[in-house]
Amino acid sequence: MGRSRAQDVNVCGVTAAIAVIDGKWKTALLWLLESGPQRPGELRRRLPGLSEKVLTQALREMETDGLVHREVHDVLPLKTEYSLTAFGRELSEALAPLADWGHRRLERLAGSLPAS
């Protein structure tokens, strides 16, 4: 799904919302940022497999979409922190029922697997 779909006013609202969180890492980043401001290095440590390039790209897109706030502290070395905006917290809250459904689905799948 293209980034342009997130701004198309003639598209379904669910499609527009999914366009904003589309990708492998954005929902995980939202989840981690719910607990408070995080530095990029901490986010990378908590998400093994996430490269610095992809993290930077995802955070920039999330900042452009108004989900995260980037704050650079004027100290040496520079210290950058990301936090959820009110709009980002609103999205995170809207995703909570979907996350609950996903957990129920995983439990259901685990129950249908043969016992080891």
PDB file of N, CA and C in Angstrom:
ATOM      1  N   MET A   1       0.858  -1.169   0.000  1.00  0.00           N
ATOM      2  CA  MET A   1       0.000   0.000   0.000  1.00  0.00           C
ATOM      3  C   MET A   1       0.902   1.229   0.000  1.00  0.00           C
ATOM      4  N   GLY A   2       0.649   2.156  -0.880  1.00  0.00           N
ATOM      5  CA  GLY A   2       1.491   3.326  -0.997  1.00  0.00           C
ATOM      6  C   GLY A   2       1.203   4.383   0.047  1.00  0.00           C
ATOM      7  N   ARG A   3       2.206   5.208   0.311  1.00  0.00           N
ATOM      8  CA  ARG A   3       2.052   6.299   1.271  1.00  0.00           C
ATOM      9  C   ARG A   3       0.972   7.281   0.811  1.00  0.00           C
ATOM     10  N   SER A   4       0.771   7.399  -0.492  1.00  0.00           N
ATOM     11  CA  SER A   4      -0.239   8.336  -0.992  1.00  0.00           C
ATOM     12  C   SER A   4      -1.647   7.934  -0.566  1.00  0.00           C
ATOM     13  N   ARG A   5      -1.869   6.636  -0.315  1.00  0.00           N
ATOM     14  CA  ARG A   5      -3.193   6.174   0.126  1.00  0.00           C
ATOM     15  C   ARG A   5      -3.545   6.746   1.491  1.00  0.00           C
ATOM     16  N   ALA A   6      -2.530   7.092   2.287  1.00  0.00           N
ATOM     17  CA  ALA A   6      -2.774   7.634   3.620  1.00  0.00           C
ATOM     18  C   ALA A   6      -3.343   9.046   3.545  1.00  0.00           C
ATOM     19  N   GLN A   7      -3.234   9.689   2.392  1.00  0.00           N
ATOM     20  CA  GLN A   7      -3.692  11.069   2.253  1.00  0.00           C
ATOM     21  C   GLN A   7      -4.858  11.219   1.285  1.00  0.00           C
ATOM     22  N   ASP A   8      -5.306  10.127   0.698  1.00  0.00           N
ATOM     23  CA  ASP A   8      -6.400  10.154  -0.262  1.00  0.00           C
ATOM     24  C   ASP A   8      -7.728  10.246   0.482  1.00  0.00           C
ATOM     25  N   VAL A   9      -8.432  11.351   0.323  1.00  0.00           N
ATOM     26  CA  VAL A   9      -9.688  11.550   1.057  1.00  0.00           C
ATOM     27  C   VAL A   9     -10.814  10.671   0.522  1.00  0.00           C
ATOM     28  N   ASN A  10     -10.619  10.052  -0.625  1.00  0.00           N
ATOM     29  CA  ASN A  10     -11.655   9.208  -1.223  1.00  0.00           C
ATOM     30  C   ASN A  10     -11.420   7.723  -0.973  1.00  0.00           C
ATOM     31  N   VAL A  11     -10.699   7.413   0.082  1.00  0.00           N
ATOM     32  CA  VAL A  11     -10.404   6.025   0.399  1.00  0.00           C
ATOM     33  C   VAL A  11     -11.079   5.664   1.721  1.00  0.00           C
ATOM     34  N   CYS A  12     -11.331   4.392   1.919  1.00  0.00           N
ATOM     35  CA  CYS A  12     -11.923   3.904   3.169  1.00  0.00           C
ATOM     36  C   CYS A  12     -11.068   4.349   4.358  1.00  0.00           C
ATOM     37  N   GLY A  13     -11.689   4.697   5.457  1.00  0.00           N
ATOM     38  CA  GLY A  13     -10.961   5.142   6.651  1.00  0.00           C
ATOM     39  C   GLY A  13     -10.014   4.089   7.194  1.00  0.00           C
ATOM     40  N   VAL A  14     -10.409   2.828   7.136  1.00  0.00           N
ATOM     41  CA  VAL A  14      -9.537   1.750   7.610  1.00  0.00           C
ATOM     42  C   VAL A  14      -8.297   1.677   6.725  1.00  0.00           C
ATOM     43  N   THR A  15      -8.471   1.815   5.423  1.00  0.00           N
ATOM     44  CA  THR A  15      -7.345   1.797   4.493  1.00  0.00           C
ATOM     45  C   THR A  15      -6.394   2.951   4.795  1.00  0.00           C
ATOM     46  N   ALA A  16      -6.952   4.128   5.071  1.00  0.00           N
ATOM     47  CA  ALA A  16      -6.118   5.290   5.394  1.00  0.00           C
ATOM     48  C   ALA A  16      -5.346   5.063   6.691  1.00  0.00           C
ATOM     49  N   ALA A  17      -5.981   4.431   7.664  1.00  0.00           N
ATOM     50  CA  ALA A  17      -5.302   4.154   8.936  1.00  0.00           C
ATOM     51  C   ALA A  17      -4.203   3.114   8.749  1.00  0.00           C
ATOM     52  N   ILE A  18      -4.493   2.072   7.996  1.00  0.00           N
ATOM     53  CA  ILE A  18      -3.495   1.030   7.780  1.00  0.00           C
ATOM     54  C   ILE A  18      -2.308   1.567   6.994  1.00  0.00           C
ATOM     55  N   ALA A  19      -2.542   2.497   6.079  1.00  0.00           N
ATOM     56  CA  ALA A  19      -1.446   3.091   5.318  1.00  0.00           C
ATOM     57  C   ALA A  19      -0.445   3.784   6.242  1.00  0.00           C
ATOM     58  N   VAL A  20      -0.918   4.322   7.349  1.00  0.00           N
ATOM     59  CA  VAL A  20      -0.048   5.028   8.292  1.00  0.00           C
ATOM     60  C   VAL A  20       0.794   4.050   9.108  1.00  0.00           C
ATOM     61  N   ILE A  21       0.284   2.861   9.376  1.00  0.00           N
ATOM     62  CA  ILE A  21       1.024   1.891  10.196  1.00  0.00           C
ATOM     63  C   ILE A  21       1.591   0.746   9.362  1.00  0.00           C
ATOM     64  N   ASP A  22       1.476   0.874   8.034  1.00  0.00           N
ATOM     65  CA  ASP A  22       1.950  -0.172   7.143  1.00  0.00           C
ATOM     66  C   ASP A  22       3.456  -0.360   7.289  1.00  0.00           C
ATOM     67  N   GLY A  23       3.876  -1.587   7.256  1.00  0.00           N
ATOM     68  CA  GLY A  23       5.293  -1.910   7.367  1.00  0.00           C
ATOM     69  C   GLY A  23       5.531  -2.831   8.544  1.00  0.00           C
ATOM     70  N   LYS A  24       6.706  -3.395   8.558  1.00  0.00           N
ATOM     71  CA  LYS A  24       7.034  -4.411   9.554  1.00  0.00           C
ATOM     72  C   LYS A  24       7.211  -3.847  10.962  1.00  0.00           C
ATOM     73  N   TRP A  25       7.668  -2.599  11.087  1.00  0.00           N
ATOM     74  CA  TRP A  25       8.129  -2.103  12.383  1.00  0.00           C
ATOM     75  C   TRP A  25       7.257  -1.051  13.050  1.00  0.00           C
ATOM     76  N   LYS A  26       6.373  -0.396  12.325  1.00  0.00           N
ATOM     77  CA  LYS A  26       5.673   0.765  12.892  1.00  0.00           C
ATOM     78  C   LYS A  26       4.784   0.414  14.080  1.00  0.00           C
ATOM     79  N   THR A  27       4.063  -0.697  14.013  1.00  0.00           N
ATOM     80  CA  THR A  27       3.213  -1.040  15.160  1.00  0.00           C
ATOM     81  C   THR A  27       4.062  -1.386  16.375  1.00  0.00           C
ATOM     82  N   ALA A  28       5.204  -2.038  16.160  1.00  0.00           N
ATOM     83  CA  ALA A  28       6.099  -2.347  17.276  1.00  0.00           C
ATOM     84  C   ALA A  28       6.683  -1.061  17.864  1.00  0.00           C
ATOM     85  N   LEU A  29       7.008  -0.106  17.017  1.00  0.00           N
ATOM     86  CA  LEU A  29       7.523   1.183  17.505  1.00  0.00           C
ATOM     87  C   LEU A  29       6.453   1.921  18.302  1.00  0.00           C
ATOM     88  N   LEU A  30       5.221   1.916  17.819  1.00  0.00           N
ATOM     89  CA  LEU A  30       4.122   2.527  18.578  1.00  0.00           C
ATOM     90  C   LEU A  30       4.006   1.884  19.955  1.00  0.00           C
ATOM     91  N   TRP A  31       4.052   0.571  19.980  1.00  0.00           N
ATOM     92  CA  TRP A  31       3.936  -0.182  21.230  1.00  0.00           C
ATOM     93  C   TRP A  31       5.057   0.191  22.199  1.00  0.00           C
ATOM     94  N   LEU A  32       6.298   0.265  21.707  1.00  0.00           N
ATOM     95  CA  LEU A  32       7.416   0.619  22.583  1.00  0.00           C
ATOM     96  C   LEU A  32       7.328   2.062  23.072  1.00  0.00           C
ATOM     97  N   LEU A  33       6.875   2.954  22.212  1.00  0.00           N
ATOM     98  CA  LEU A  33       6.803   4.365  22.592  1.00  0.00           C
ATOM     99  C   LEU A  33       5.643   4.664  23.544  1.00  0.00           C
ATOM    100  N   GLU A  34       4.709   3.717  23.691  1.00  0.00           N
ATOM    101  CA  GLU A  34       3.618   3.900  24.661  1.00  0.00           C
ATOM    102  C   GLU A  34       4.168   4.062  26.075  1.00  0.00           C
ATOM    103  N   SER A  35       5.305   3.442  26.354  1.00  0.00           N
ATOM    104  CA  SER A  35       5.870   3.478  27.708  1.00  0.00           C
ATOM    105  C   SER A  35       6.649   4.761  27.986  1.00  0.00           C
ATOM    106  N   GLY A  36       6.794   5.627  26.996  1.00  0.00           N
ATOM    107  CA  GLY A  36       7.481   6.891  27.217  1.00  0.00           C
ATOM    108  C   GLY A  36       8.556   7.138  26.173  1.00  0.00           C
ATOM    109  N   PRO A  37       9.198   8.306  26.262  1.00  0.00           N
ATOM    110  CA  PRO A  37      10.225   8.670  25.279  1.00  0.00           C
ATOM    111  C   PRO A  37      11.349   7.640  25.223  1.00  0.00           C
ATOM    112  N   GLN A  38      11.837   7.418  24.018  1.00  0.00           N
ATOM    113  CA  GLN A  38      12.899   6.440  23.802  1.00  0.00           C
ATOM    114  C   GLN A  38      13.946   7.044  22.873  1.00  0.00           C
ATOM    115  N   ARG A  39      15.191   6.685  23.112  1.00  0.00           N
ATOM    116  CA  ARG A  39      16.271   7.061  22.203  1.00  0.00           C
ATOM    117  C   ARG A  39      16.340   6.024  21.084  1.00  0.00           C
ATOM    118  N   PRO A  40      16.798   6.419  19.904  1.00  0.00           N
ATOM    119  CA  PRO A  40      16.859   5.475  18.777  1.00  0.00           C
ATOM    120  C   PRO A  40      17.656   4.209  19.088  1.00  0.00           C
ATOM    121  N   GLY A  41      18.767   4.335  19.789  1.00  0.00           N
ATOM    122  CA  GLY A  41      19.568   3.161  20.127  1.00  0.00           C
ATOM    123  C   GLY A  41      18.812   2.170  20.986  1.00  0.00           C
ATOM    124  N   GLU A  42      18.009   2.683  21.911  1.00  0.00           N
ATOM    125  CA  GLU A  42      17.197   1.809  22.769  1.00  0.00           C
ATOM    126  C   GLU A  42      16.125   1.088  21.944  1.00  0.00           C
ATOM    127  N   LEU A  43      15.515   1.807  21.020  1.00  0.00           N
ATOM    128  CA  LEU A  43      14.512   1.178  20.152  1.00  0.00           C
ATOM    129  C   LEU A  43      15.143   0.052  19.339  1.00  0.00           C
ATOM    130  N   ARG A  44      16.331   0.278  18.814  1.00  0.00           N
ATOM    131  CA  ARG A  44      17.012  -0.768  18.024  1.00  0.00           C
ATOM    132  C   ARG A  44      17.369  -1.973  18.885  1.00  0.00           C
ATOM    133  N   ARG A  45      17.810  -1.738  20.111  1.00  0.00           N
ATOM    134  CA  ARG A  45      18.141  -2.859  21.005  1.00  0.00           C
ATOM    135  C   ARG A  45      16.912  -3.694  21.328  1.00  0.00           C
ATOM    136  N   ARG A  46      15.775  -3.036  21.450  1.00  0.00           N
ATOM    137  CA  ARG A  46      14.550  -3.743  21.829  1.00  0.00           C
ATOM    138  C   ARG A  46      13.865  -4.419  20.644  1.00  0.00           C
ATOM    139  N   LEU A  47      14.318  -4.113  19.426  1.00  0.00           N
ATOM    140  CA  LEU A  47      13.744  -4.713  18.225  1.00  0.00           C
ATOM    141  C   LEU A  47      14.868  -5.334  17.383  1.00  0.00           C
ATOM    142  N   PRO A  48      15.344  -6.505  17.788  1.00  0.00           N
ATOM    143  CA  PRO A  48      16.422  -7.152  17.029  1.00  0.00           C
ATOM    144  C   PRO A  48      16.009  -7.336  15.563  1.00  0.00           C
ATOM    145  N   GLY A  49      16.937  -7.076  14.678  1.00  0.00           N
ATOM    146  CA  GLY A  49      16.665  -7.205  13.250  1.00  0.00           C
ATOM    147  C   GLY A  49      16.310  -5.890  12.588  1.00  0.00           C
ATOM    148  N   LEU A  50      16.058  -4.864  13.374  1.00  0.00           N
ATOM    149  CA  LEU A  50      15.723  -3.548  12.838  1.00  0.00           C
ATOM    150  C   LEU A  50      17.014  -2.780  12.579  1.00  0.00           C
ATOM    151  N   SER A  51      17.263  -2.444  11.335  1.00  0.00           N
ATOM    152  CA  SER A  51      18.484  -1.703  10.995  1.00  0.00           C
ATOM    153  C   SER A  51      18.312  -0.217  11.317  1.00  0.00           C
ATOM    154  N   GLU A  52      19.432   0.469  11.448  1.00  0.00           N
ATOM    155  CA  GLU A  52      19.397   1.905  11.732  1.00  0.00           C
ATOM    156  C   GLU A  52      18.707   2.658  10.599  1.00  0.00           C
ATOM    157  N   LYS A  53      18.980   2.255   9.364  1.00  0.00           N
ATOM    158  CA  LYS A  53      18.375   2.914   8.204  1.00  0.00           C
ATOM    159  C   LYS A  53      16.857   2.775   8.218  1.00  0.00           C
ATOM    160  N   VAL A  54      16.366   1.564   8.448  1.00  0.00           N
ATOM    161  CA  VAL A  54      14.919   1.322   8.448  1.00  0.00           C
ATOM    162  C   VAL A  54      14.265   2.016   9.644  1.00  0.00           C
ATOM    163  N   LEU A  55      14.933   2.010  10.800  1.00  0.00           N
ATOM    164  CA  LEU A  55      14.407   2.710  11.970  1.00  0.00           C
ATOM    165  C   LEU A  55      14.252   4.198  11.668  1.00  0.00           C
ATOM    166  N   THR A  56      15.292   4.792  11.103  1.00  0.00           N
ATOM    167  CA  THR A  56      15.253   6.220  10.780  1.00  0.00           C
ATOM    168  C   THR A  56      14.121   6.520   9.804  1.00  0.00           C
ATOM    169  N   GLN A  57      13.982   5.685   8.780  1.00  0.00           N
ATOM    170  CA  GLN A  57      12.925   5.887   7.790  1.00  0.00           C
ATOM    171  C   GLN A  57      11.537   5.774   8.425  1.00  0.00           C
ATOM    172  N   ALA A  58      11.329   4.750   9.248  1.00  0.00           N
ATOM    173  CA  ALA A  58      10.023   4.552   9.885  1.00  0.00           C
ATOM    174  C   ALA A  58       9.699   5.720  10.817  1.00  0.00           C
ATOM    175  N   LEU A  59      10.675   6.145  11.624  1.00  0.00           N
ATOM    176  CA  LEU A  59      10.435   7.251  12.549  1.00  0.00           C
ATOM    177  C   LEU A  59      10.160   8.555  11.806  1.00  0.00           C
ATOM    178  N   ARG A  60      10.852   8.783  10.709  1.00  0.00           N
ATOM    179  CA  ARG A  60      10.598   9.996   9.911  1.00  0.00           C
ATOM    180  C   ARG A  60       9.185   9.980   9.338  1.00  0.00           C
ATOM    181  N   GLU A  61       8.763   8.816   8.816  1.00  0.00           N
ATOM    182  CA  GLU A  61       7.403   8.719   8.286  1.00  0.00           C
ATOM    183  C   GLU A  61       6.380   8.917   9.395  1.00  0.00           C
ATOM    184  N   MET A  62       6.642   8.339  10.547  1.00  0.00           N
ATOM    185  CA  MET A  62       5.718   8.485  11.674  1.00  0.00           C
ATOM    186  C   MET A  62       5.675   9.930  12.157  1.00  0.00           C
ATOM    187  N   GLU A  63       6.804  10.621  12.093  1.00  0.00           N
ATOM    188  CA  GLU A  63       6.842  12.039  12.459  1.00  0.00           C
ATOM    189  C   GLU A  63       6.050  12.861  11.438  1.00  0.00           C
ATOM    190  N   THR A  64       6.232  12.567  10.161  1.00  0.00           N
ATOM    191  CA  THR A  64       5.491  13.260   9.106  1.00  0.00           C
ATOM    192  C   THR A  64       3.985  13.053   9.267  1.00  0.00           C
ATOM    193  N   ASP A  65       3.597  11.845   9.685  1.00  0.00           N
ATOM    194  CA  ASP A  65       2.182  11.535   9.879  1.00  0.00           C
ATOM    195  C   ASP A  65       1.629  12.060  11.203  1.00  0.00           C
ATOM    196  N   GLY A  66       2.480  12.693  12.007  1.00  0.00           N
ATOM    197  CA  GLY A  66       2.023  13.294  13.252  1.00  0.00           C
ATOM    198  C   GLY A  66       1.901  12.322  14.413  1.00  0.00           C
ATOM    199  N   LEU A  67       2.497  11.133  14.285  1.00  0.00           N
ATOM    200  CA  LEU A  67       2.380  10.126  15.339  1.00  0.00           C
ATOM    201  C   LEU A  67       3.447  10.253  16.410  1.00  0.00           C
ATOM    202  N   VAL A  68       4.634  10.690  16.021  1.00  0.00           N
ATOM    203  CA  VAL A  68       5.730  10.809  16.981  1.00  0.00           C
ATOM    204  C   VAL A  68       6.325  12.212  16.940  1.00  0.00           C
ATOM    205  N   HIS A  69       6.911  12.566  18.060  1.00  0.00           N
ATOM    206  CA  HIS A  69       7.618  13.839  18.201  1.00  0.00           C
ATOM    207  C   HIS A  69       9.097  13.528  18.375  1.00  0.00           C
ATOM    208  N   ARG A  70       9.921  14.224  17.641  1.00  0.00           N
ATOM    209  CA  ARG A  70      11.372  14.067  17.728  1.00  0.00           C
ATOM    210  C   ARG A  70      11.935  15.269  18.464  1.00  0.00           C
ATOM    211  N   GLU A  71      12.665  14.998  19.534  1.00  0.00           N
ATOM    212  CA  GLU A  71      13.277  16.086  20.301  1.00  0.00           C
ATOM    213  C   GLU A  71      14.784  15.862  20.360  1.00  0.00           C
ATOM    214  N   VAL A  72      15.519  16.891  19.945  1.00  0.00           N
ATOM    215  CA  VAL A  72      16.974  16.836  19.983  1.00  0.00           C
ATOM    216  C   VAL A  72      17.424  17.735  21.122  1.00  0.00           C
ATOM    217  N   HIS A  73      18.122  17.145  22.098  1.00  0.00           N
ATOM    218  CA  HIS A  73      18.623  17.895  23.241  1.00  0.00           C
ATOM    219  C   HIS A  73      19.993  18.472  22.881  1.00  0.00           C
ATOM    220  N   ASP A  74      20.213  19.715  23.224  1.00  0.00           N
ATOM    221  CA  ASP A  74      21.442  20.428  22.860  1.00  0.00           C
ATOM    222  C   ASP A  74      22.562  20.118  23.845  1.00  0.00           C
ATOM    223  N   VAL A  75      23.019  18.872  23.799  1.00  0.00           N
ATOM    224  CA  VAL A  75      24.153  18.445  24.617  1.00  0.00           C
ATOM    225  C   VAL A  75      25.106  17.696  23.691  1.00  0.00           C
ATOM    226  N   LEU A  76      26.332  17.552  24.127  1.00  0.00           N
ATOM    227  CA  LEU A  76      27.301  16.783  23.344  1.00  0.00           C
ATOM    228  C   LEU A  76      27.581  15.470  24.035  1.00  0.00           C
ATOM    229  N   PRO A  77      27.512  14.359  23.379  1.00  0.00           N
ATOM    230  CA  PRO A  77      26.990  14.230  22.012  1.00  0.00           C
ATOM    231  C   PRO A  77      25.483  14.497  21.987  1.00  0.00           C
ATOM    232  N   LEU A  78      24.993  14.831  20.792  1.00  0.00           N
ATOM    233  CA  LEU A  78      23.563  15.128  20.664  1.00  0.00           C
ATOM    234  C   LEU A  78      22.726  13.955  21.159  1.00  0.00           C
ATOM    235  N   LYS A  79      21.665  14.272  21.846  1.00  0.00           N
ATOM    236  CA  LYS A  79      20.760  13.260  22.383  1.00  0.00           C
ATOM    237  C   LYS A  79      19.399  13.466  21.728  1.00  0.00           C
ATOM    238  N   THR A  80      18.925  12.448  21.039  1.00  0.00           N
ATOM    239  CA  THR A  80      17.632  12.512  20.359  1.00  0.00           C
ATOM    240  C   THR A  80      16.680  11.537  21.032  1.00  0.00           C
ATOM    241  N   GLU A  81      15.466  11.989  21.270  1.00  0.00           N
ATOM    242  CA  GLU A  81      14.427  11.140  21.852  1.00  0.00           C
ATOM    243  C   GLU A  81      13.171  11.241  21.005  1.00  0.00           C
ATOM    244  N   TYR A  82      12.468  10.127  20.929  1.00  0.00           N
ATOM    245  CA  TYR A  82      11.182  10.078  20.233  1.00  0.00           C
ATOM    246  C   TYR A  82      10.100   9.748  21.248  1.00  0.00           C
ATOM    247  N   SER A  83       8.958  10.388  21.081  1.00  0.00           N
ATOM    248  CA  SER A  83       7.813  10.118  21.952  1.00  0.00           C
ATOM    249  C   SER A  83       6.544  10.185  21.112  1.00  0.00           C
ATOM    250  N   LEU A  84       5.498   9.577  21.629  1.00  0.00           N
ATOM    251  CA  LEU A  84       4.209   9.642  20.934  1.00  0.00           C
ATOM    252  C   LEU A  84       3.587  11.015  21.114  1.00  0.00           C
ATOM    253  N   THR A  85       2.981  11.504  20.058  1.00  0.00           N
ATOM    254  CA  THR A  85       2.173  12.709  20.150  1.00  0.00           C
ATOM    255  C   THR A  85       0.790  12.297  20.653  1.00  0.00           C
ATOM    256  N   ALA A  86      -0.054  13.272  20.920  1.00  0.00           N
ATOM    257  CA  ALA A  86      -1.435  12.955  21.314  1.00  0.00           C
ATOM    258  C   ALA A  86      -2.123  12.164  20.200  1.00  0.00           C
ATOM    259  N   PHE A  87      -1.841  12.516  18.947  1.00  0.00           N
ATOM    260  CA  PHE A  87      -2.416  11.815  17.803  1.00  0.00           C
ATOM    261  C   PHE A  87      -1.906  10.372  17.742  1.00  0.00           C
ATOM    262  N   GLY A  88      -0.631  10.175  18.059  1.00  0.00           N
ATOM    263  CA  GLY A  88      -0.055   8.834  18.097  1.00  0.00           C
ATOM    264  C   GLY A  88      -0.650   7.997  19.215  1.00  0.00           C
ATOM    265  N   ARG A  89      -0.865   8.618  20.393  1.00  0.00           N
ATOM    266  CA  ARG A  89      -1.507   7.897  21.506  1.00  0.00           C
ATOM    267  C   ARG A  89      -2.940   7.514  21.138  1.00  0.00           C
ATOM    268  N   GLU A  90      -3.617   8.407  20.422  1.00  0.00           N
ATOM    269  CA  GLU A  90      -4.984   8.120  19.979  1.00  0.00           C
ATOM    270  C   GLU A  90      -4.997   6.905  19.046  1.00  0.00           C
ATOM    271  N   LEU A  91      -4.043   6.838  18.130  1.00  0.00           N
ATOM    272  CA  LEU A  91      -3.949   5.677  17.241  1.00  0.00           C
ATOM    273  C   LEU A  91      -3.644   4.418  18.031  1.00  0.00           C
ATOM    274  N   SER A  92      -2.735   4.520  18.971  1.00  0.00           N
ATOM    275  CA  SER A  92      -2.371   3.365  19.791  1.00  0.00           C
ATOM    276  C   SER A  92      -3.582   2.841  20.555  1.00  0.00           C
ATOM    277  N   GLU A  93      -4.389   3.745  21.103  1.00  0.00           N
ATOM    278  CA  GLU A  93      -5.605   3.345  21.811  1.00  0.00           C
ATOM    279  C   GLU A  93      -6.614   2.707  20.858  1.00  0.00           C
ATOM    280  N   ALA A  94      -6.683   3.230  19.630  1.00  0.00           N
ATOM    281  CA  ALA A  94      -7.610   2.666  18.652  1.00  0.00           C
ATOM    282  C   ALA A  94      -7.185   1.259  18.238  1.00  0.00           C
ATOM    283  N   LEU A  95      -5.886   0.993  18.277  1.00  0.00           N
ATOM    284  CA  LEU A  95      -5.376  -0.326  17.896  1.00  0.00           C
ATOM    285  C   LEU A  95      -5.497  -1.359  19.015  1.00  0.00           C
ATOM    286  N   ALA A  96      -5.736  -0.922  20.246  1.00  0.00           N
ATOM    287  CA  ALA A  96      -5.797  -1.844  21.389  1.00  0.00           C
ATOM    288  C   ALA A  96      -6.819  -2.968  21.179  1.00  0.00           C
ATOM    289  N   PRO A  97      -8.052  -2.693  20.731  1.00  0.00           N
ATOM    290  CA  PRO A  97      -8.985  -3.806  20.500  1.00  0.00           C
ATOM    291  C   PRO A  97      -8.499  -4.770  19.415  1.00  0.00           C
ATOM    292  N   LEU A  98      -7.824  -4.258  18.411  1.00  0.00           N
ATOM    293  CA  LEU A  98      -7.275  -5.116  17.374  1.00  0.00           C
ATOM    294  C   LEU A  98      -6.171  -6.004  17.947  1.00  0.00           C
ATOM    295  N   ALA A  99      -5.349  -5.435  18.834  1.00  0.00           N
ATOM    296  CA  ALA A  99      -4.299  -6.220  19.495  1.00  0.00           C
ATOM    297  C   ALA A  99      -4.926  -7.321  20.355  1.00  0.00           C
ATOM    298  N   ASP A 100      -6.000  -6.994  21.069  1.00  0.00           N
ATOM    299  CA  ASP A 100      -6.696  -8.007  21.881  1.00  0.00           C
ATOM    300  C   ASP A 100      -7.211  -9.142  20.998  1.00  0.00           C
ATOM    301  N   TRP A 101      -7.790  -8.781  19.850  1.00  0.00           N
ATOM    302  CA  TRP A 101      -8.279  -9.784  18.919  1.00  0.00           C
ATOM    303  C   TRP A 101      -7.120 -10.660  18.427  1.00  0.00           C
ATOM    304  N   GLY A 102      -5.992 -10.031  18.130  1.00  0.00           N
ATOM    305  CA  GLY A 102      -4.825 -10.780  17.678  1.00  0.00           C
ATOM    306  C   GLY A 102      -4.328 -11.770  18.714  1.00  0.00           C
ATOM    307  N   HIS A 103      -4.333 -11.370  19.987  1.00  0.00           N
ATOM    308  CA  HIS A 103      -3.922 -12.286  21.060  1.00  0.00           C
ATOM    309  C   HIS A 103      -4.902 -13.462  21.186  1.00  0.00           C
ATOM    310  N   ARG A 104      -6.201 -13.165  21.075  1.00  0.00           N
ATOM    311  CA  ARG A 104      -7.195 -14.248  21.113  1.00  0.00           C
ATOM    312  C   ARG A 104      -6.999 -15.200  19.934  1.00  0.00           C
ATOM    313  N   ARG A 105      -6.683 -14.667  18.778  1.00  0.00           N
ATOM    314  CA  ARG A 105      -6.427 -15.510  17.606  1.00  0.00           C
ATOM    315  C   ARG A 105      -5.231 -16.413  17.849  1.00  0.00           C
ATOM    316  N   LEU A 106      -4.153 -15.855  18.413  1.00  0.00           N
ATOM    317  CA  LEU A 106      -2.965 -16.666  18.683  1.00  0.00           C
ATOM    318  C   LEU A 106      -3.260 -17.762  19.694  1.00  0.00           C
ATOM    319  N   GLU A 107      -4.042 -17.431  20.727  1.00  0.00           N
ATOM    320  CA  GLU A 107      -4.430 -18.446  21.713  1.00  0.00           C
ATOM    321  C   GLU A 107      -5.266 -19.541  21.058  1.00  0.00           C
ATOM    322  N   ARG A 108      -6.148 -19.140  20.183  1.00  0.00           N
ATOM    323  CA  ARG A 108      -7.006 -20.100  19.463  1.00  0.00           C
ATOM    324  C   ARG A 108      -6.145 -21.017  18.590  1.00  0.00           C
ATOM    325  N   LEU A 109      -5.179 -20.438  17.892  1.00  0.00           N
ATOM    326  CA  LEU A 109      -4.285 -21.244  17.059  1.00  0.00           C
ATOM    327  C   LEU A 109      -3.457 -22.208  17.912  1.00  0.00           C
ATOM    328  N   ALA A 110      -2.990 -21.714  19.054  1.00  0.00           N
ATOM    329  CA  ALA A 110      -2.190 -22.567  19.933  1.00  0.00           C
ATOM    330  C   ALA A 110      -3.025 -23.726  20.454  1.00  0.00           C
ATOM    331  N   GLY A 111      -4.301 -23.476  20.714  1.00  0.00           N
ATOM    332  CA  GLY A 111      -5.198 -24.516  21.204  1.00  0.00           C
ATOM    333  C   GLY A 111      -5.525 -25.551  20.147  1.00  0.00           C
ATOM    334  N   SER A 112      -5.456 -25.168  18.883  1.00  0.00           N
ATOM    335  CA  SER A 112      -5.792 -26.105  17.824  1.00  0.00           C
ATOM    336  C   SER A 112      -4.593 -26.916  17.351  1.00  0.00           C
ATOM    337  N   LEU A 113      -3.401 -26.561  17.834  1.00  0.00           N
ATOM    338  CA  LEU A 113      -2.215 -27.318  17.455  1.00  0.00           C
ATOM    339  C   LEU A 113      -2.157 -28.618  18.260  1.00  0.00           C
ATOM    340  N   PRO A 114      -1.629 -29.679  17.666  1.00  0.00           N
ATOM    341  CA  PRO A 114      -1.507 -30.936  18.408  1.00  0.00           C
ATOM    342  C   PRO A 114      -0.568 -30.778  19.590  1.00  0.00           C
ATOM    343  N   ALA A 115      -0.864 -31.455  20.695  1.00  0.00           N
ATOM    344  CA  ALA A 115      -0.027 -31.389  21.889  1.00  0.00           C
ATOM    345  C   ALA A 115       1.338 -31.991  21.581  1.00  0.00           C
ATOM    346  N   SER A 116       2.370 -31.421  22.181  1.00  0.00           N
ATOM    347  CA  SER A 116       3.731 -31.912  21.941  1.00  0.00           C
ATOM    348  C   SER A 116       4.040 -33.095  22.812  1.00  0.00           C
TER     349      SER A 116
END
